[in-house]
């Protein structure tokens, strides 16, 4: 087979071409058809196949996740009951608005019951959160080291949540040591107590937050 054989091809008489030339031409035609077929047919099909495989894997993961949820449904329900019970118990430790005066009296009585002398007992301004309000109470009391410690213990045992923060302990008599059991000490602290917001307060708070959000959106 020579190159001249290809330059002198007469496609009208293709049947009389040498066998080697026919083989080369058929090979070229096959390669051309294969390339065009891959580009126009097989390539889009392979892309669709890859997409389908990816979708299959995603659906498989979703199925396994849902299956796991169903299997553990009873466990989730049990956890929910425990959470609701715990939340309910904690909520009971938050007084409502009408019970705050009684709680403040309990804190004051806890100090008086230990023989402490109050120099300051001043409720501060409430700070509202999502469903509860925090009230700080500035206190300054005089008493012995033992009685002040007992007072702090009594506060922690109240049926309502009360915490002592920013505690400062100094001797009333500058010559006495703060750890002296019989010396009179001055304790300053911020007692924080909490109450849950009633339905009207929560509704008002939501409306206020919505108004603030709407104003911020308009400015943006």
C-alpha atoms as a PDB file:
ATOM      1  CA  UNK A   1       0.000   0.000   0.000  1.00  0.00           C
ATOM      2  CA  UNK A   2       1.384   3.379  -1.061  1.00  0.00           C
ATOM      3  CA  UNK A   3       0.350   6.993  -0.428  1.00  0.00           C
ATOM      4  CA  UNK A   4      -0.461   7.273  -4.090  1.00  0.00           C
ATOM      5  CA  UNK A   5      -3.224   4.747  -3.528  1.00  0.00           C
ATOM      6  CA  UNK A   6      -5.061   7.309  -1.345  1.00  0.00           C
ATOM      7  CA  UNK A   7      -4.504  10.252  -3.687  1.00  0.00           C
ATOM      8  CA  UNK A   8      -6.044   8.333  -6.592  1.00  0.00           C
ATOM      9  CA  UNK A   9      -9.124   7.052  -4.769  1.00  0.00           C
ATOM     10  CA  UNK A  10     -12.259   7.015  -6.883  1.00  0.00           C
ATOM     11  CA  UNK A  11     -15.190   6.734  -4.460  1.00  0.00           C
ATOM     12  CA  UNK A  12     -17.494   5.911  -7.383  1.00  0.00           C
ATOM     13  CA  UNK A  13     -15.567   2.682  -7.799  1.00  0.00           C
ATOM     14  CA  UNK A  14     -14.900   2.097  -4.086  1.00  0.00           C
ATOM     15  CA  UNK A  15     -15.563  -1.593  -4.541  1.00  0.00           C
ATOM     16  CA  UNK A  16     -12.478  -1.981  -6.708  1.00  0.00           C
ATOM     17  CA  UNK A  17     -10.114  -0.359  -4.158  1.00  0.00           C
ATOM     18  CA  UNK A  18      -7.294  -2.452  -2.726  1.00  0.00           C
ATOM     19  CA  UNK A  19      -8.162  -4.309   0.471  1.00  0.00           C
ATOM     20  CA  UNK A  20      -5.569  -2.397   2.518  1.00  0.00           C
ATOM     21  CA  UNK A  21      -7.006   0.962   1.407  1.00  0.00           C
ATOM     22  CA  UNK A  22     -10.513  -0.212   2.225  1.00  0.00           C
ATOM     23  CA  UNK A  23      -9.357  -1.252   5.689  1.00  0.00           C
ATOM     24  CA  UNK A  24      -7.766   2.138   6.366  1.00  0.00           C
ATOM     25  CA  UNK A  25     -10.833   4.018   5.121  1.00  0.00           C
ATOM     26  CA  UNK A  26     -13.167   1.883   7.192  1.00  0.00           C
ATOM     27  CA  UNK A  27     -10.959   2.449  10.239  1.00  0.00           C
ATOM     28  CA  UNK A  28     -11.041   6.205   9.684  1.00  0.00           C
ATOM     29  CA  UNK A  29     -14.812   6.144   9.271  1.00  0.00           C
ATOM     30  CA  UNK A  30     -15.192   4.050  12.446  1.00  0.00           C
ATOM     31  CA  UNK A  31     -12.971   6.409  14.444  1.00  0.00           C
ATOM     32  CA  UNK A  32     -14.880   9.443  13.141  1.00  0.00           C
ATOM     33  CA  UNK A  33     -18.229   7.891  13.998  1.00  0.00           C
ATOM     34  CA  UNK A  34     -16.928   6.875  17.446  1.00  0.00           C
ATOM     35  CA  UNK A  35     -15.659  10.398  18.208  1.00  0.00           C
ATOM     36  CA  UNK A  36     -18.882  12.026  17.027  1.00  0.00           C
ATOM     37  CA  UNK A  37     -20.959   9.456  18.876  1.00  0.00           C
ATOM     38  CA  UNK A  38     -19.048  10.037  22.104  1.00  0.00           C
ATOM     39  CA  UNK A  39     -19.337  13.786  21.807  1.00  0.00           C
ATOM     40  CA  UNK A  40     -23.017  13.933  20.884  1.00  0.00           C
ATOM     41  CA  UNK A  41     -24.443  10.793  22.508  1.00  0.00           C
ATOM     42  CA  UNK A  42     -22.245   9.054  25.028  1.00  0.00           C
ATOM     43  CA  UNK A  43     -20.813  12.117  26.797  1.00  0.00           C
ATOM     44  CA  UNK A  44     -24.258  13.578  27.762  1.00  0.00           C
ATOM     45  CA  UNK A  45     -25.378  10.082  28.721  1.00  0.00           C
ATOM     46  CA  UNK A  46     -22.331   9.620  30.968  1.00  0.00           C
ATOM     47  CA  UNK A  47     -22.938  13.008  32.585  1.00  0.00           C
ATOM     48  CA  UNK A  48     -26.546  12.040  33.243  1.00  0.00           C
ATOM     49  CA  UNK A  49     -25.329   8.763  34.699  1.00  0.00           C
ATOM     50  CA  UNK A  50     -22.929  10.563  37.065  1.00  0.00           C
ATOM     51  CA  UNK A  51     -25.744  12.902  38.128  1.00  0.00           C
ATOM     52  CA  UNK A  52     -28.039   9.942  38.725  1.00  0.00           C
ATOM     53  CA  UNK A  53     -25.360   8.196  40.812  1.00  0.00           C
ATOM     54  CA  UNK A  54     -24.844  11.314  42.927  1.00  0.00           C
ATOM     55  CA  UNK A  55     -28.607  11.617  43.417  1.00  0.00           C
ATOM     56  CA  UNK A  56     -28.750   7.955  44.379  1.00  0.00           C
ATOM     57  CA  UNK A  57     -26.079   8.470  47.033  1.00  0.00           C
ATOM     58  CA  UNK A  58     -27.923  11.509  48.383  1.00  0.00           C
ATOM     59  CA  UNK A  59     -31.205   9.593  48.564  1.00  0.00           C
ATOM     60  CA  UNK A  60     -29.412   6.684  50.220  1.00  0.00           C
ATOM     61  CA  UNK A  61     -27.974   8.990  52.903  1.00  0.00           C
ATOM     62  CA  UNK A  62     -31.387  10.571  53.430  1.00  0.00           C
ATOM     63  CA  UNK A  63     -32.990   7.138  53.707  1.00  0.00           C
ATOM     64  CA  UNK A  64     -30.425   5.930  56.245  1.00  0.00           C
ATOM     65  CA  UNK A  65     -30.856   9.140  58.265  1.00  0.00           C
ATOM     66  CA  UNK A  66     -34.647   8.786  58.300  1.00  0.00           C
ATOM     67  CA  UNK A  67     -34.325   5.105  59.108  1.00  0.00           C
ATOM     68  CA  UNK A  68     -32.061   5.911  62.040  1.00  0.00           C
ATOM     69  CA  UNK A  69     -34.564   8.491  63.269  1.00  0.00           C
ATOM     70  CA  UNK A  70     -37.388   5.944  63.133  1.00  0.00           C
ATOM     71  CA  UNK A  71     -35.289   3.346  64.943  1.00  0.00           C
ATOM     72  CA  UNK A  72     -34.427   5.846  67.696  1.00  0.00           C
ATOM     73  CA  UNK A  73     -37.881   7.455  67.815  1.00  0.00           C
ATOM     74  CA  UNK A  74     -38.746   5.925  71.175  1.00  0.00           C
ATOM     75  CA  UNK A  75     -35.459   7.128  72.600  1.00  0.00           C
ATOM     76  CA  UNK A  76     -36.073  10.641  71.280  1.00  0.00           C
ATOM     77  CA  UNK A  77     -39.552  10.654  72.803  1.00  0.00           C
ATOM     78  CA  UNK A  78     -38.128   9.578  76.150  1.00  0.00           C
ATOM     79  CA  UNK A  79     -35.483  12.315  75.979  1.00  0.00           C
ATOM     80  CA  UNK A  80     -38.190  14.834  75.165  1.00  0.00           C
ATOM     81  CA  UNK A  81     -40.219  13.793  78.200  1.00  0.00           C
ATOM     82  CA  UNK A  82     -37.161  14.076  80.443  1.00  0.00           C
ATOM     83  CA  UNK A  83     -36.334  17.489  78.975  1.00  0.00           C
ATOM     84  CA  UNK A  84     -39.891  18.739  79.444  1.00  0.00           C
ATOM     85  CA  UNK A  85     -39.922  17.449  83.002  1.00  0.00           C
ATOM     86  CA  UNK A  86     -36.590  19.115  83.789  1.00  0.00           C
ATOM     87  CA  UNK A  87     -37.685  22.349  82.148  1.00  0.00           C
ATOM     88  CA  UNK A  88     -40.944  22.261  84.086  1.00  0.00           C
ATOM     89  CA  UNK A  89     -39.074  21.788  87.354  1.00  0.00           C
ATOM     90  CA  UNK A  90     -36.779  24.708  86.559  1.00  0.00           C
ATOM     91  CA  UNK A  91     -39.724  26.853  85.496  1.00  0.00           C
ATOM     92  CA  UNK A  92     -41.375  26.255  88.862  1.00  0.00           C
ATOM     93  CA  UNK A  93     -38.312  27.824  90.480  1.00  0.00           C
ATOM     94  CA  UNK A  94     -39.047  31.061  88.639  1.00  0.00           C
ATOM     95  CA  UNK A  95     -41.721  33.124  90.355  1.00  0.00           C
ATOM     96  CA  UNK A  96     -44.213  35.124  88.375  1.00  0.00           C
ATOM     97  CA  UNK A  97     -44.574  38.877  88.682  1.00  0.00           C
ATOM     98  CA  UNK A  98     -46.998  38.672  91.574  1.00  0.00           C
ATOM     99  CA  UNK A  99     -44.632  36.498  93.627  1.00  0.00           C
ATOM    100  CA  UNK A 100     -41.556  38.717  93.383  1.00  0.00           C
ATOM    101  CA  UNK A 101     -42.401  40.750  96.479  1.00  0.00           C
ATOM    102  CA  UNK A 102     -42.652  37.548  98.504  1.00  0.00           C
ATOM    103  CA  UNK A 103     -39.280  36.372  97.179  1.00  0.00           C
ATOM    104  CA  UNK A 104     -37.616  39.651  98.116  1.00  0.00           C
ATOM    105  CA  UNK A 105     -39.069  39.265 101.589  1.00  0.00           C
ATOM    106  CA  UNK A 106     -37.665  35.715 101.789  1.00  0.00           C
ATOM    107  CA  UNK A 107     -34.176  36.975 100.943  1.00  0.00           C
ATOM    108  CA  UNK A 108     -34.429  39.705 103.544  1.00  0.00           C
ATOM    109  CA  UNK A 109     -35.755  37.285 106.170  1.00  0.00           C
ATOM    110  CA  UNK A 110     -32.899  34.862 105.434  1.00  0.00           C
ATOM    111  CA  UNK A 111     -30.459  37.568 106.498  1.00  0.00           C
ATOM    112  CA  UNK A 112     -32.432  38.698 109.522  1.00  0.00           C
ATOM    113  CA  UNK A 113     -32.860  35.086 110.605  1.00  0.00           C
ATOM    114  CA  UNK A 114     -29.059  34.797 110.836  1.00  0.00           C
ATOM    115  CA  UNK A 115     -28.809  37.970 112.892  1.00  0.00           C
ATOM    116  CA  UNK A 116     -27.364  40.048 110.064  1.00  0.00           C
ATOM    117  CA  UNK A 117     -27.801  43.785 109.870  1.00  0.00           C
ATOM    118  CA  UNK A 118     -28.794  45.160 106.481  1.00  0.00           C
ATOM    119  CA  UNK A 119     -27.276  48.486 105.525  1.00  0.00           C
ATOM    120  CA  UNK A 120     -28.453  48.198 101.928  1.00  0.00           C
ATOM    121  CA  UNK A 121     -31.143  46.171 100.203  1.00  0.00           C
ATOM    122  CA  UNK A 122     -31.916  47.795  96.872  1.00  0.00           C
ATOM    123  CA  UNK A 123     -33.645  46.008  93.975  1.00  0.00           C
ATOM    124  CA  UNK A 124     -32.318  47.229  90.632  1.00  0.00           C
ATOM    125  CA  UNK A 125     -33.822  47.496  87.167  1.00  0.00           C
ATOM    126  CA  UNK A 126     -35.065  44.293  85.547  1.00  0.00           C
ATOM    127  CA  UNK A 127     -33.377  42.940  82.434  1.00  0.00           C
ATOM    128  CA  UNK A 128     -35.695  40.929  80.234  1.00  0.00           C
ATOM    129  CA  UNK A 129     -34.555  37.937  78.182  1.00  0.00           C
ATOM    130  CA  UNK A 130     -36.616  35.713  75.870  1.00  0.00           C
ATOM    131  CA  UNK A 131     -39.002  34.288  78.457  1.00  0.00           C
ATOM    132  CA  UNK A 132     -37.681  35.458  81.809  1.00  0.00           C
ATOM    133  CA  UNK A 133     -36.537  38.610  83.578  1.00  0.00           C
ATOM    134  CA  UNK A 134     -33.481  39.042  85.771  1.00  0.00           C
ATOM    135  CA  UNK A 135     -33.594  41.356  88.774  1.00  0.00           C
ATOM    136  CA  UNK A 136     -30.350  42.411  90.485  1.00  0.00           C
ATOM    137  CA  UNK A 137     -30.485  43.335  94.164  1.00  0.00           C
ATOM    138  CA  UNK A 138     -27.630  45.284  95.707  1.00  0.00           C
ATOM    139  CA  UNK A 139     -27.111  44.222  99.314  1.00  0.00           C
ATOM    140  CA  UNK A 140     -24.763  45.249 102.110  1.00  0.00           C
ATOM    141  CA  UNK A 141     -24.961  43.304 105.365  1.00  0.00           C
ATOM    142  CA  UNK A 142     -22.999  43.161 108.607  1.00  0.00           C
ATOM    143  CA  UNK A 143     -22.400  39.996 110.585  1.00  0.00           C
ATOM    144  CA  UNK A 144     -19.902  37.413 111.682  1.00  0.00           C
ATOM    145  CA  UNK A 145     -18.032  35.221 109.232  1.00  0.00           C
ATOM    146  CA  UNK A 146     -20.055  32.202 110.316  1.00  0.00           C
ATOM    147  CA  UNK A 147     -23.416  33.977 110.006  1.00  0.00           C
ATOM    148  CA  UNK A 148     -22.589  35.409 106.592  1.00  0.00           C
ATOM    149  CA  UNK A 149     -21.646  31.947 105.370  1.00  0.00           C
ATOM    150  CA  UNK A 150     -24.877  30.517 106.768  1.00  0.00           C
ATOM    151  CA  UNK A 151     -26.811  33.313 105.032  1.00  0.00           C
ATOM    152  CA  UNK A 152     -25.224  32.430 101.673  1.00  0.00           C
ATOM    153  CA  UNK A 153     -26.152  28.780 102.239  1.00  0.00           C
ATOM    154  CA  UNK A 154     -29.742  29.716 103.099  1.00  0.00           C
ATOM    155  CA  UNK A 155     -29.986  31.761  99.896  1.00  0.00           C
ATOM    156  CA  UNK A 156     -28.892  28.770  97.822  1.00  0.00           C
ATOM    157  CA  UNK A 157     -31.583  26.626  99.458  1.00  0.00           C
ATOM    158  CA  UNK A 158     -34.501  28.922  98.661  1.00  0.00           C
ATOM    159  CA  UNK A 159     -37.231  27.340  96.542  1.00  0.00           C
ATOM    160  CA  UNK A 160     -36.677  30.074  93.964  1.00  0.00           C
ATOM    161  CA  UNK A 161     -33.464  30.659  92.029  1.00  0.00           C
ATOM    162  CA  UNK A 162     -31.283  33.278  93.701  1.00  0.00           C
ATOM    163  CA  UNK A 163     -27.546  33.701  93.130  1.00  0.00           C
ATOM    164  CA  UNK A 164     -24.961  35.853  94.906  1.00  0.00           C
ATOM    165  CA  UNK A 165     -22.535  37.656  92.626  1.00  0.00           C
ATOM    166  CA  UNK A 166     -19.670  40.164  92.918  1.00  0.00           C
ATOM    167  CA  UNK A 167     -19.165  39.326  96.590  1.00  0.00           C
ATOM    168  CA  UNK A 168     -16.880  41.601  98.588  1.00  0.00           C
ATOM    169  CA  UNK A 169     -15.992  40.765 102.203  1.00  0.00           C
ATOM    170  CA  UNK A 170     -14.132  43.193 104.469  1.00  0.00           C
ATOM    171  CA  UNK A 171     -13.781  43.713 108.193  1.00  0.00           C
ATOM    172  CA  UNK A 172     -16.060  46.297 109.729  1.00  0.00           C
ATOM    173  CA  UNK A 173     -13.221  46.964 112.133  1.00  0.00           C
ATOM    174  CA  UNK A 174     -10.111  47.627 110.040  1.00  0.00           C
ATOM    175  CA  UNK A 175      -7.916  45.973 112.656  1.00  0.00           C
ATOM    176  CA  UNK A 176      -9.780  42.669 112.472  1.00  0.00           C
ATOM    177  CA  UNK A 177      -9.056  39.976 109.910  1.00  0.00           C
ATOM    178  CA  UNK A 178     -11.820  39.006 107.477  1.00  0.00           C
ATOM    179  CA  UNK A 179     -11.501  35.368 108.518  1.00  0.00           C
ATOM    180  CA  UNK A 180     -11.990  36.098 112.211  1.00  0.00           C
ATOM    181  CA  UNK A 181     -14.959  34.063 113.376  1.00  0.00           C
ATOM    182  CA  UNK A 182     -16.082  36.513 116.045  1.00  0.00           C
ATOM    183  CA  UNK A 183     -15.268  39.768 114.219  1.00  0.00           C
ATOM    184  CA  UNK A 184     -17.995  41.753 112.461  1.00  0.00           C
ATOM    185  CA  UNK A 185     -17.620  41.704 108.700  1.00  0.00           C
ATOM    186  CA  UNK A 186     -19.225  43.689 105.926  1.00  0.00           C
ATOM    187  CA  UNK A 187     -20.401  41.772 102.883  1.00  0.00           C
ATOM    188  CA  UNK A 188     -21.418  43.562  99.715  1.00  0.00           C
ATOM    189  CA  UNK A 189     -22.899  41.548  96.880  1.00  0.00           C
ATOM    190  CA  UNK A 190     -25.396  41.559  94.062  1.00  0.00           C
ATOM    191  CA  UNK A 191     -28.121  38.994  94.553  1.00  0.00           C
ATOM    192  CA  UNK A 192     -29.767  38.049  91.266  1.00  0.00           C
ATOM    193  CA  UNK A 193     -33.179  36.498  91.101  1.00  0.00           C
ATOM    194  CA  UNK A 194     -35.328  35.603  88.137  1.00  0.00           C
ATOM    195  CA  UNK A 195     -38.980  35.455  87.200  1.00  0.00           C
ATOM    196  CA  UNK A 196     -40.749  34.235  84.096  1.00  0.00           C
ATOM    197  CA  UNK A 197     -42.569  36.686  81.869  1.00  0.00           C
ATOM    198  CA  UNK A 198     -46.326  36.417  81.618  1.00  0.00           C
ATOM    199  CA  UNK A 199     -48.099  36.039  78.271  1.00  0.00           C
ATOM    200  CA  UNK A 200     -48.755  39.782  77.876  1.00  0.00           C
ATOM    201  CA  UNK A 201     -45.109  40.644  78.561  1.00  0.00           C
ATOM    202  CA  UNK A 202     -43.872  38.055  76.052  1.00  0.00           C
ATOM    203  CA  UNK A 203     -46.327  39.360  73.437  1.00  0.00           C
ATOM    204  CA  UNK A 204     -45.230  42.956  74.054  1.00  0.00           C
ATOM    205  CA  UNK A 205     -41.587  41.927  73.818  1.00  0.00           C
ATOM    206  CA  UNK A 206     -42.161  40.129  70.497  1.00  0.00           C
ATOM    207  CA  UNK A 207     -43.932  43.170  69.062  1.00  0.00           C
ATOM    208  CA  UNK A 208     -41.126  45.435  70.241  1.00  0.00           C
ATOM    209  CA  UNK A 209     -38.464  43.174  68.701  1.00  0.00           C
ATOM    210  CA  UNK A 210     -40.445  43.054  65.440  1.00  0.00           C
ATOM    211  CA  UNK A 211     -40.660  46.861  65.313  1.00  0.00           C
ATOM    212  CA  UNK A 212     -36.909  47.149  65.891  1.00  0.00           C
ATOM    213  CA  UNK A 213     -36.238  44.554  63.180  1.00  0.00           C
ATOM    214  CA  UNK A 214     -38.549  46.304  60.724  1.00  0.00           C
ATOM    215  CA  UNK A 215     -36.860  49.668  61.362  1.00  0.00           C
ATOM    216  CA  UNK A 216     -33.434  48.112  60.862  1.00  0.00           C
ATOM    217  CA  UNK A 217     -34.627  46.539  57.596  1.00  0.00           C
ATOM    218  CA  UNK A 218     -35.911  49.892  56.290  1.00  0.00           C
ATOM    219  CA  UNK A 219     -32.627  51.602  57.135  1.00  0.00           C
ATOM    220  CA  UNK A 220     -30.695  48.886  55.322  1.00  0.00           C
END
